[in-house]
Amino acid sequence: TVHVGKDGMDDGVLNEVAAQLKSARLIKVKVLGAAGADAGTVA
């Protein structure tokens, strides 16, 4: 439900992840290749 793209983990992504965790408690985040970091680091 959340995609991390070329802008990386900016404030918008962090706020969206926090809001979705608050409502759903379990979410999936897709880290795109353009993010500039591997998925483990982003996680």
ModelCIF file with pLDDT and N, C-alpha, C, O atoms, coordinates in Angstrom:
data_MODEL
#
_entry.id   MODEL 
#
_entity.id                         1 
_entity.type                       polymer 
_entity.pdbx_number_of_molecules   1 
#
_entity_poly.entity_id                      1 
_entity_poly.type                           'polypeptide(L)' 
_entity_poly.nstd_linkage                   no 
_entity_poly.nstd_monomer                   no 
_entity_poly.pdbx_seq_one_letter_code       TVHVGKDGMDDGVLNEVAAQLKSARLIKVKVLGAAGADAGTVA 
_entity_poly.pdbx_seq_one_letter_code_can   TVHVGKDGMDDGVLNEVAAQLKSARLIKVKVLGAAGADAGTVA 
_entity_poly.pdbx_strand_id                 A 
#
loop_
_entity_poly_seq.entity_id 
_entity_poly_seq.num 
_entity_poly_seq.mon_id 
_entity_poly_seq.hetero 
1 1  THR n 
1 2  VAL n 
1 3  HIS n 
1 4  VAL n 
1 5  GLY n 
1 6  LYS n 
1 7  ASP n 
1 8  GLY n 
1 9  MET n 
1 10 ASP n 
1 11 ASP n 
1 12 GLY n 
1 13 VAL n 
1 14 LEU n 
1 15 ASN n 
1 16 GLU n 
1 17 VAL n 
1 18 ALA n 
1 19 ALA n 
1 20 GLN n 
1 21 LEU n 
1 22 LYS n 
1 23 SER n 
1 24 ALA n 
1 25 ARG n 
1 26 LEU n 
1 27 ILE n 
1 28 LYS n 
1 29 VAL n 
1 30 LYS n 
1 31 VAL n 
1 32 LEU n 
1 33 GLY n 
1 34 ALA n 
1 35 ALA n 
1 36 GLY n 
1 37 ALA n 
1 38 ASP n 
1 39 ALA n 
1 40 GLY n 
1 41 THR n 
1 42 VAL n 
1 43 ALA n 
#
_struct_asym.id          A 
_struct_asym.entity_id   1 
#
loop_
_ma_qa_metric.id 
_ma_qa_metric.mode 
_ma_qa_metric.name 
_ma_qa_metric.software_group_id 
_ma_qa_metric.type 
1 global pLDDT . pLDDT 
2 local  pLDDT . pLDDT 
#
_ma_qa_metric_global.metric_id      1 
_ma_qa_metric_global.metric_value   92.37 
_ma_qa_metric_global.model_id       1 
_ma_qa_metric_global.ordinal_id     1 
#
loop_
_ma_qa_metric_local.label_asym_id 
_ma_qa_metric_local.label_comp_id 
_ma_qa_metric_local.label_seq_id 
_ma_qa_metric_local.metric_id 
_ma_qa_metric_local.metric_value 
_ma_qa_metric_local.model_id 
_ma_qa_metric_local.ordinal_id 
A THR 1  2 94.00 1 1  
A VAL 2  2 94.00 1 2  
A HIS 3  2 94.00 1 3  
A VAL 4  2 94.00 1 4  
A GLY 5  2 91.00 1 5  
A LYS 6  2 91.00 1 6  
A ASP 7  2 89.00 1 7  
A GLY 8  2 86.00 1 8  
A MET 9  2 88.00 1 9  
A ASP 10 2 90.00 1 10 
A ASP 11 2 93.00 1 11 
A GLY 12 2 93.00 1 12 
A VAL 13 2 93.00 1 13 
A LEU 14 2 94.00 1 14 
A ASN 15 2 95.00 1 15 
A GLU 16 2 95.00 1 16 
A VAL 17 2 95.00 1 17 
A ALA 18 2 95.00 1 18 
A ALA 19 2 96.00 1 19 
A GLN 20 2 95.00 1 20 
A LEU 21 2 95.00 1 21 
A LYS 22 2 94.00 1 22 
A SER 23 2 95.00 1 23 
A ALA 24 2 95.00 1 24 
A ARG 25 2 94.00 1 25 
A LEU 26 2 96.00 1 26 
A ILE 27 2 96.00 1 27 
A LYS 28 2 96.00 1 28 
A VAL 29 2 95.00 1 29 
A LYS 30 2 95.00 1 30 
A VAL 31 2 94.00 1 31 
A LEU 32 2 92.00 1 32 
A GLY 33 2 87.00 1 33 
A ALA 34 2 86.00 1 34 
A ALA 35 2 83.00 1 35 
A GLY 36 2 84.00 1 36 
A ALA 37 2 87.00 1 37 
A ASP 38 2 90.00 1 38 
A ALA 39 2 91.00 1 39 
A GLY 40 2 92.00 1 40 
A THR 41 2 93.00 1 41 
A VAL 42 2 93.00 1 42 
A ALA 43 2 94.00 1 43 
#
loop_
_atom_site.group_PDB 
_atom_site.id 
_atom_site.type_symbol 
_atom_site.label_atom_id 
_atom_site.label_alt_id 
_atom_site.label_comp_id 
_atom_site.label_asym_id 
_atom_site.label_entity_id 
_atom_site.label_seq_id 
_atom_site.pdbx_PDB_ins_code 
_atom_site.Cartn_x 
_atom_site.Cartn_y 
_atom_site.Cartn_z 
_atom_site.occupancy 
_atom_site.B_iso_or_equiv 
_atom_site.pdbx_formal_charge 
_atom_site.auth_seq_id 
_atom_site.auth_comp_id 
_atom_site.auth_asym_id 
_atom_site.auth_atom_id 
_atom_site.pdbx_PDB_model_num 
ATOM 1   N N  . THR A 1 1  ? 0.809  -1.217 0.000  1.00 94.00 ? 1  THR A N  1 
ATOM 2   C CA . THR A 1 1  ? 0.000  0.000  0.000  1.00 94.00 ? 1  THR A CA 1 
ATOM 3   C C  . THR A 1 1  ? 0.842  1.266  0.000  1.00 94.00 ? 1  THR A C  1 
ATOM 4   O O  . THR A 1 1  ? 0.325  2.354  -0.256 1.00 94.00 ? 1  THR A O  1 
ATOM 5   N N  . VAL A 1 2  ? 2.135  1.136  0.285  1.00 94.00 ? 2  VAL A N  1 
ATOM 6   C CA . VAL A 1 2  ? 3.046  2.276  0.265  1.00 94.00 ? 2  VAL A CA 1 
ATOM 7   C C  . VAL A 1 2  ? 4.203  1.911  -0.659 1.00 94.00 ? 2  VAL A C  1 
ATOM 8   O O  . VAL A 1 2  ? 4.715  0.793  -0.611 1.00 94.00 ? 2  VAL A O  1 
ATOM 9   N N  . HIS A 1 3  ? 4.608  2.854  -1.497 1.00 94.00 ? 3  HIS A N  1 
ATOM 10  C CA . HIS A 1 3  ? 5.724  2.632  -2.420 1.00 94.00 ? 3  HIS A CA 1 
ATOM 11  C C  . HIS A 1 3  ? 6.810  3.647  -2.131 1.00 94.00 ? 3  HIS A C  1 
ATOM 12  O O  . HIS A 1 3  ? 6.553  4.850  -2.087 1.00 94.00 ? 3  HIS A O  1 
ATOM 13  N N  . VAL A 1 4  ? 8.033  3.154  -1.931 1.00 94.00 ? 4  VAL A N  1 
ATOM 14  C CA . VAL A 1 4  ? 9.180  4.032  -1.719 1.00 94.00 ? 4  VAL A CA 1 
ATOM 15  C C  . VAL A 1 4  ? 9.911  4.127  -3.043 1.00 94.00 ? 4  VAL A C  1 
ATOM 16  O O  . VAL A 1 4  ? 10.441 3.133  -3.540 1.00 94.00 ? 4  VAL A O  1 
ATOM 17  N N  . GLY A 1 5  ? 9.941  5.328  -3.618 1.00 91.00 ? 5  GLY A N  1 
ATOM 18  C CA . GLY A 1 5  ? 10.522 5.543  -4.937 1.00 91.00 ? 5  GLY A CA 1 
ATOM 19  C C  . GLY A 1 5  ? 11.817 6.317  -4.895 1.00 91.00 ? 5  GLY A C  1 
ATOM 20  O O  . GLY A 1 5  ? 12.587 6.207  -3.941 1.00 91.00 ? 5  GLY A O  1 
ATOM 21  N N  . LYS A 1 6  ? 12.057 7.096  -5.926 1.00 91.00 ? 6  LYS A N  1 
ATOM 22  C CA . LYS A 1 6  ? 13.328 7.784  -6.065 1.00 91.00 ? 6  LYS A CA 1 
ATOM 23  C C  . LYS A 1 6  ? 13.563 8.863  -5.005 1.00 91.00 ? 6  LYS A C  1 
ATOM 24  O O  . LYS A 1 6  ? 14.709 9.235  -4.755 1.00 91.00 ? 6  LYS A O  1 
ATOM 25  N N  . ASP A 1 7  ? 12.514 9.361  -4.390 1.00 89.00 ? 7  ASP A N  1 
ATOM 26  C CA . ASP A 1 7  ? 12.680 10.350 -3.323 1.00 89.00 ? 7  ASP A CA 1 
ATOM 27  C C  . ASP A 1 7  ? 13.093 9.715  -2.005 1.00 89.00 ? 7  ASP A C  1 
ATOM 28  O O  . ASP A 1 7  ? 13.470 10.422 -1.071 1.00 89.00 ? 7  ASP A O  1 
ATOM 29  N N  . GLY A 1 8  ? 13.029 8.398  -1.916 1.00 86.00 ? 8  GLY A N  1 
ATOM 30  C CA . GLY A 1 8  ? 13.430 7.692  -0.703 1.00 86.00 ? 8  GLY A CA 1 
ATOM 31  C C  . GLY A 1 8  ? 12.411 7.844  0.413  1.00 86.00 ? 8  GLY A C  1 
ATOM 32  O O  . GLY A 1 8  ? 11.210 7.974  0.176  1.00 86.00 ? 8  GLY A O  1 
ATOM 33  N N  . MET A 1 9  ? 12.923 7.824  1.631  1.00 88.00 ? 9  MET A N  1 
ATOM 34  C CA . MET A 1 9  ? 12.044 7.920  2.803  1.00 88.00 ? 9  MET A CA 1 
ATOM 35  C C  . MET A 1 9  ? 11.902 9.380  3.217  1.00 88.00 ? 9  MET A C  1 
ATOM 36  O O  . MET A 1 9  ? 12.544 9.828  4.167  1.00 88.00 ? 9  MET A O  1 
ATOM 37  N N  . ASP A 1 10 ? 11.065 10.113 2.504  1.00 90.00 ? 10 ASP A N  1 
ATOM 38  C CA . ASP A 1 10 ? 10.826 11.500 2.871  1.00 90.00 ? 10 ASP A CA 1 
ATOM 39  C C  . ASP A 1 10 ? 9.712  11.556 3.916  1.00 90.00 ? 10 ASP A C  1 
ATOM 40  O O  . ASP A 1 10 ? 9.172  10.522 4.309  1.00 90.00 ? 10 ASP A O  1 
ATOM 41  N N  . ASP A 1 11 ? 9.377  12.749 4.356  1.00 93.00 ? 11 ASP A N  1 
ATOM 42  C CA . ASP A 1 11 ? 8.367  12.910 5.407  1.00 93.00 ? 11 ASP A CA 1 
ATOM 43  C C  . ASP A 1 11 ? 7.006  12.366 4.994  1.00 93.00 ? 11 ASP A C  1 
ATOM 44  O O  . ASP A 1 11 ? 6.284  11.818 5.826  1.00 93.00 ? 11 ASP A O  1 
ATOM 45  N N  . GLY A 1 12 ? 6.648  12.508 3.727  1.00 93.00 ? 12 GLY A N  1 
ATOM 46  C CA . GLY A 1 12 ? 5.357  12.010 3.248  1.00 93.00 ? 12 GLY A CA 1 
ATOM 47  C C  . GLY A 1 12 ? 5.244  10.499 3.377  1.00 93.00 ? 12 GLY A C  1 
ATOM 48  O O  . GLY A 1 12 ? 4.206  9.979  3.788  1.00 93.00 ? 12 GLY A O  1 
ATOM 49  N N  . VAL A 1 13 ? 6.309  9.801  3.028  1.00 93.00 ? 13 VAL A N  1 
ATOM 50  C CA . VAL A 1 13 ? 6.307  8.332  3.136  1.00 93.00 ? 13 VAL A CA 1 
ATOM 51  C C  . VAL A 1 13 ? 6.233  7.913  4.603  1.00 93.00 ? 13 VAL A C  1 
ATOM 52  O O  . VAL A 1 13 ? 5.467  7.018  4.962  1.00 93.00 ? 13 VAL A O  1 
ATOM 53  N N  . LEU A 1 14 ? 7.026  8.558  5.439  1.00 94.00 ? 14 LEU A N  1 
ATOM 54  C CA . LEU A 1 14 ? 7.024  8.212  6.863  1.00 94.00 ? 14 LEU A CA 1 
ATOM 55  C C  . LEU A 1 14 ? 5.662  8.466  7.507  1.00 94.00 ? 14 LEU A C  1 
ATOM 56  O O  . LEU A 1 14 ? 5.191  7.655  8.304  1.00 94.00 ? 14 LEU A O  1 
ATOM 57  N N  . ASN A 1 15 ? 5.029  9.589  7.164  1.00 95.00 ? 15 ASN A N  1 
ATOM 58  C CA . ASN A 1 15 ? 3.708  9.890  7.711  1.00 95.00 ? 15 ASN A CA 1 
ATOM 59  C C  . ASN A 1 15 ? 2.668  8.885  7.231  1.00 95.00 ? 15 ASN A C  1 
ATOM 60  O O  . ASN A 1 15 ? 1.805  8.463  8.001  1.00 95.00 ? 15 ASN A O  1 
ATOM 61  N N  . GLU A 1 16 ? 2.751  8.502  5.955  1.00 95.00 ? 16 GLU A N  1 
ATOM 62  C CA . GLU A 1 16 ? 1.800  7.542  5.402  1.00 95.00 ? 16 GLU A CA 1 
ATOM 63  C C  . GLU A 1 16 ? 1.963  6.161  6.049  1.00 95.00 ? 16 GLU A C  1 
ATOM 64  O O  . GLU A 1 16 ? 0.974  5.500  6.364  1.00 95.00 ? 16 GLU A O  1 
ATOM 65  N N  . VAL A 1 17 ? 3.205  5.732  6.243  1.00 95.00 ? 17 VAL A N  1 
ATOM 66  C CA . VAL A 1 17 ? 3.451  4.439  6.899  1.00 95.00 ? 17 VAL A CA 1 
ATOM 67  C C  . VAL A 1 17 ? 2.924  4.467  8.327  1.00 95.00 ? 17 VAL A C  1 
ATOM 68  O O  . VAL A 1 17 ? 2.289  3.509  8.769  1.00 95.00 ? 17 VAL A O  1 
ATOM 69  N N  . ALA A 1 18 ? 3.176  5.542  9.048  1.00 95.00 ? 18 ALA A N  1 
ATOM 70  C CA . ALA A 1 18 ? 2.702  5.652  10.431 1.00 95.00 ? 18 ALA A CA 1 
ATOM 71  C C  . ALA A 1 18 ? 1.173  5.634  10.489 1.00 95.00 ? 18 ALA A C  1 
ATOM 72  O O  . ALA A 1 18 ? 0.592  4.977  11.353 1.00 95.00 ? 18 ALA A O  1 
ATOM 73  N N  . ALA A 1 19 ? 0.524  6.353  9.575  1.00 96.00 ? 19 ALA A N  1 
ATOM 74  C CA . ALA A 1 19 ? -0.941 6.397  9.564  1.00 96.00 ? 19 ALA A CA 1 
ATOM 75  C C  . ALA A 1 19 ? -1.530 5.034  9.224  1.00 96.00 ? 19 ALA A C  1 
ATOM 76  O O  . ALA A 1 19 ? -2.510 4.611  9.837  1.00 96.00 ? 19 ALA A O  1 
ATOM 77  N N  . GLN A 1 20 ? -0.940 4.346  8.254  1.00 95.00 ? 20 GLN A N  1 
ATOM 78  C CA . GLN A 1 20 ? -1.473 3.038  7.882  1.00 95.00 ? 20 GLN A CA 1 
ATOM 79  C C  . GLN A 1 20 ? -1.215 1.992  8.959  1.00 95.00 ? 20 GLN A C  1 
ATOM 80  O O  . GLN A 1 20 ? -2.047 1.109  9.171  1.00 95.00 ? 20 GLN A O  1 
ATOM 81  N N  . LEU A 1 21 ? -0.086 2.076  9.637  1.00 95.00 ? 21 LEU A N  1 
ATOM 82  C CA . LEU A 1 21 ? 0.169  1.144  10.746 1.00 95.00 ? 21 LEU A CA 1 
ATOM 83  C C  . LEU A 1 21 ? -0.826 1.365  11.881 1.00 95.00 ? 21 LEU A C  1 
ATOM 84  O O  . LEU A 1 21 ? -1.256 0.417  12.537 1.00 95.00 ? 21 LEU A O  1 
ATOM 85  N N  . LYS A 1 22 ? -1.181 2.611  12.100 1.00 94.00 ? 22 LYS A N  1 
ATOM 86  C CA . LYS A 1 22 ? -2.134 2.925  13.165 1.00 94.00 ? 22 LYS A CA 1 
ATOM 87  C C  . LYS A 1 22 ? -3.510 2.329  12.866 1.00 94.00 ? 22 LYS A C  1 
ATOM 88  O O  . LYS A 1 22 ? -4.199 1.866  13.775 1.00 94.00 ? 22 LYS A O  1 
ATOM 89  N N  . SER A 1 23 ? -3.905 2.340  11.596 1.00 95.00 ? 23 SER A N  1 
ATOM 90  C CA . SER A 1 23 ? -5.237 1.837  11.255 1.00 95.00 ? 23 SER A CA 1 
ATOM 91  C C  . SER A 1 23 ? -5.242 0.345  10.926 1.00 95.00 ? 23 SER A C  1 
ATOM 92  O O  . SER A 1 23 ? -6.182 -0.359 11.294 1.00 95.00 ? 23 SER A O  1 
ATOM 93  N N  . ALA A 1 24 ? -4.219 -0.145 10.246 1.00 95.00 ? 24 ALA A N  1 
ATOM 94  C CA . ALA A 1 24 ? -4.252 -1.538 9.783  1.00 95.00 ? 24 ALA A CA 1 
ATOM 95  C C  . ALA A 1 24 ? -3.408 -2.479 10.629 1.00 95.00 ? 24 ALA A C  1 
ATOM 96  O O  . ALA A 1 24 ? -3.673 -3.681 10.638 1.00 95.00 ? 24 ALA A O  1 
ATOM 97  N N  . ARG A 1 25 ? -2.395 -1.976 11.346 1.00 94.00 ? 25 ARG A N  1 
ATOM 98  C CA . ARG A 1 25 ? -1.504 -2.739 12.210 1.00 94.00 ? 25 ARG A CA 1 
ATOM 99  C C  . ARG A 1 25 ? -0.516 -3.644 11.485 1.00 94.00 ? 25 ARG A C  1 
ATOM 100 O O  . ARG A 1 25 ? 0.491  -4.040 12.073 1.00 94.00 ? 25 ARG A O  1 
ATOM 101 N N  . LEU A 1 26 ? -0.775 -3.982 10.224 1.00 96.00 ? 26 LEU A N  1 
ATOM 102 C CA . LEU A 1 26 ? 0.115  -4.819 9.437  1.00 96.00 ? 26 LEU A CA 1 
ATOM 103 C C  . LEU A 1 26 ? 0.051  -4.347 7.991  1.00 96.00 ? 26 LEU A C  1 
ATOM 104 O O  . LEU A 1 26 ? -1.012 -4.384 7.371  1.00 96.00 ? 26 LEU A O  1 
ATOM 105 N N  . ILE A 1 27 ? 1.182  -3.902 7.452  1.00 96.00 ? 27 ILE A N  1 
ATOM 106 C CA . ILE A 1 27 ? 1.187  -3.370 6.085  1.00 96.00 ? 27 ILE A CA 1 
ATOM 107 C C  . ILE A 1 27 ? 2.379  -3.916 5.301  1.00 96.00 ? 27 ILE A C  1 
ATOM 108 O O  . ILE A 1 27 ? 3.353  -4.420 5.861  1.00 96.00 ? 27 ILE A O  1 
ATOM 109 N N  . LYS A 1 28 ? 2.255  -3.791 3.980  1.00 96.00 ? 28 LYS A N  1 
ATOM 110 C CA . LYS A 1 28 ? 3.356  -4.103 3.089  1.00 96.00 ? 28 LYS A CA 1 
ATOM 111 C C  . LYS A 1 28 ? 3.813  -2.818 2.416  1.00 96.00 ? 28 LYS A C  1 
ATOM 112 O O  . LYS A 1 28 ? 3.005  -1.971 2.037  1.00 96.00 ? 28 LYS A O  1 
ATOM 113 N N  . VAL A 1 29 ? 5.130  -2.695 2.279  1.00 95.00 ? 29 VAL A N  1 
ATOM 114 C CA . VAL A 1 29 ? 5.735  -1.539 1.624  1.00 95.00 ? 29 VAL A CA 1 
ATOM 115 C C  . VAL A 1 29 ? 6.583  -2.054 0.472  1.00 95.00 ? 29 VAL A C  1 
ATOM 116 O O  . VAL A 1 29 ? 7.391  -2.964 0.654  1.00 95.00 ? 29 VAL A O  1 
ATOM 117 N N  . LYS A 1 30 ? 6.406  -1.481 -0.707 1.00 95.00 ? 30 LYS A N  1 
ATOM 118 C CA . LYS A 1 30 ? 7.179  -1.864 -1.886 1.00 95.00 ? 30 LYS A CA 1 
ATOM 119 C C  . LYS A 1 30 ? 8.315  -0.861 -2.064 1.00 95.00 ? 30 LYS A C  1 
ATOM 120 O O  . LYS A 1 30 ? 8.087  0.345  -2.160 1.00 95.00 ? 30 LYS A O  1 
ATOM 121 N N  . VAL A 1 31 ? 9.539  -1.379 -2.108 1.00 94.00 ? 31 VAL A N  1 
ATOM 122 C CA . VAL A 1 31 ? 10.708 -0.529 -2.328 1.00 94.00 ? 31 VAL A CA 1 
ATOM 123 C C  . VAL A 1 31 ? 11.098 -0.675 -3.796 1.00 94.00 ? 31 VAL A C  1 
ATOM 124 O O  . VAL A 1 31 ? 11.532 -1.741 -4.231 1.00 94.00 ? 31 VAL A O  1 
ATOM 125 N N  . LEU A 1 32 ? 10.940 0.404  -4.547 1.00 92.00 ? 32 LEU A N  1 
ATOM 126 C CA . LEU A 1 32 ? 11.242 0.382  -5.971 1.00 92.00 ? 32 LEU A CA 1 
ATOM 127 C C  . LEU A 1 32 ? 12.749 0.468  -6.204 1.00 92.00 ? 32 LEU A C  1 
ATOM 128 O O  . LEU A 1 32 ? 13.488 0.934  -5.336 1.00 92.00 ? 32 LEU A O  1 
ATOM 129 N N  . GLY A 1 33 ? 13.195 0.029  -7.348 1.00 87.00 ? 33 GLY A N  1 
ATOM 130 C CA . GLY A 1 33 ? 14.610 0.043  -7.671 1.00 87.00 ? 33 GLY A CA 1 
ATOM 131 C C  . GLY A 1 33 ? 15.221 1.435  -7.694 1.00 87.00 ? 33 GLY A C  1 
ATOM 132 O O  . GLY A 1 33 ? 16.415 1.590  -7.441 1.00 87.00 ? 33 GLY A O  1 
ATOM 133 N N  . ALA A 1 34 ? 14.426 2.438  -7.990 1.00 86.00 ? 34 ALA A N  1 
ATOM 134 C CA . ALA A 1 34 ? 14.911 3.817  -8.058 1.00 86.00 ? 34 ALA A CA 1 
ATOM 135 C C  . ALA A 1 34 ? 15.121 4.440  -6.679 1.00 86.00 ? 34 ALA A C  1 
ATOM 136 O O  . ALA A 1 34 ? 15.554 5.588  -6.580 1.00 86.00 ? 34 ALA A O  1 
ATOM 137 N N  . ALA A 1 35 ? 14.818 3.694  -5.612 1.00 83.00 ? 35 ALA A N  1 
ATOM 138 C CA . ALA A 1 35 ? 14.929 4.244  -4.264 1.00 83.00 ? 35 ALA A CA 1 
ATOM 139 C C  . ALA A 1 35 ? 16.377 4.528  -3.873 1.00 83.00 ? 35 ALA A C  1 
ATOM 140 O O  . ALA A 1 35 ? 16.629 5.342  -2.984 1.00 83.00 ? 35 ALA A O  1 
ATOM 141 N N  . GLY A 1 36 ? 17.325 3.871  -4.524 1.00 84.00 ? 36 GLY A N  1 
ATOM 142 C CA . GLY A 1 36 ? 18.724 4.140  -4.242 1.00 84.00 ? 36 GLY A CA 1 
ATOM 143 C C  . GLY A 1 36 ? 19.280 3.370  -3.064 1.00 84.00 ? 36 GLY A C  1 
ATOM 144 O O  . GLY A 1 36 ? 20.452 3.535  -2.725 1.00 84.00 ? 36 GLY A O  1 
ATOM 145 N N  . ALA A 1 37 ? 18.475 2.534  -2.431 1.00 87.00 ? 37 ALA A N  1 
ATOM 146 C CA . ALA A 1 37 ? 18.929 1.713  -1.309 1.00 87.00 ? 37 ALA A CA 1 
ATOM 147 C C  . ALA A 1 37 ? 18.231 0.366  -1.396 1.00 87.00 ? 37 ALA A C  1 
ATOM 148 O O  . ALA A 1 37 ? 17.181 0.233  -2.025 1.00 87.00 ? 37 ALA A O  1 
ATOM 149 N N  . ASP A 1 38 ? 18.831 -0.634 -0.754 1.00 90.00 ? 38 ASP A N  1 
ATOM 150 C CA . ASP A 1 38 ? 18.182 -1.945 -0.783 1.00 90.00 ? 38 ASP A CA 1 
ATOM 151 C C  . ASP A 1 38 ? 17.031 -1.981 0.217  1.00 90.00 ? 38 ASP A C  1 
ATOM 152 O O  . ASP A 1 38 ? 16.924 -1.122 1.092  1.00 90.00 ? 38 ASP A O  1 
ATOM 153 N N  . ALA A 1 39 ? 16.188 -2.973 0.073  1.00 91.00 ? 39 ALA A N  1 
ATOM 154 C CA . ALA A 1 39 ? 14.965 -3.062 0.876  1.00 91.00 ? 39 ALA A CA 1 
ATOM 155 C C  . ALA A 1 39 ? 15.268 -3.240 2.361  1.00 91.00 ? 39 ALA A C  1 
ATOM 156 O O  . ALA A 1 39 ? 14.520 -2.738 3.200  1.00 91.00 ? 39 ALA A O  1 
ATOM 157 N N  . GLY A 1 40 ? 16.330 -3.933 2.699  1.00 92.00 ? 40 GLY A N  1 
ATOM 158 C CA . GLY A 1 40 ? 16.684 -4.135 4.104  1.00 92.00 ? 40 GLY A CA 1 
ATOM 159 C C  . GLY A 1 40 ? 17.017 -2.833 4.803  1.00 92.00 ? 40 GLY A C  1 
ATOM 160 O O  . GLY A 1 40 ? 16.594 -2.602 5.936  1.00 92.00 ? 40 GLY A O  1 
ATOM 161 N N  . THR A 1 41 ? 17.772 -1.985 4.130  1.00 93.00 ? 41 THR A N  1 
ATOM 162 C CA . THR A 1 41 ? 18.135 -0.689 4.694  1.00 93.00 ? 41 THR A CA 1 
ATOM 163 C C  . THR A 1 41 ? 16.907 0.198  4.858  1.00 93.00 ? 41 THR A C  1 
ATOM 164 O O  . THR A 1 41 ? 16.739 0.864  5.880  1.00 93.00 ? 41 THR A O  1 
ATOM 165 N N  . VAL A 1 42 ? 16.060 0.199  3.850  1.00 93.00 ? 42 VAL A N  1 
ATOM 166 C CA . VAL A 1 42 ? 14.826 0.985  3.918  1.00 93.00 ? 42 VAL A CA 1 
ATOM 167 C C  . VAL A 1 42 ? 13.931 0.463  5.039  1.00 93.00 ? 42 VAL A C  1 
ATOM 168 O O  . VAL A 1 42 ? 13.320 1.248  5.764  1.00 93.00 ? 42 VAL A O  1 
ATOM 169 N N  . ALA A 1 43 ? 13.853 -0.860 5.184  1.00 94.00 ? 43 ALA A N  1 
ATOM 170 C CA . ALA A 1 43 ? 13.018 -1.460 6.230  1.00 94.00 ? 43 ALA A CA 1 
ATOM 171 C C  . ALA A 1 43 ? 13.474 -1.034 7.615  1.00 94.00 ? 43 ALA A C  1 
ATOM 172 O O  . ALA A 1 43 ? 12.883 -1.445 8.614  1.00 94.00 ? 43 ALA A O  1 
#
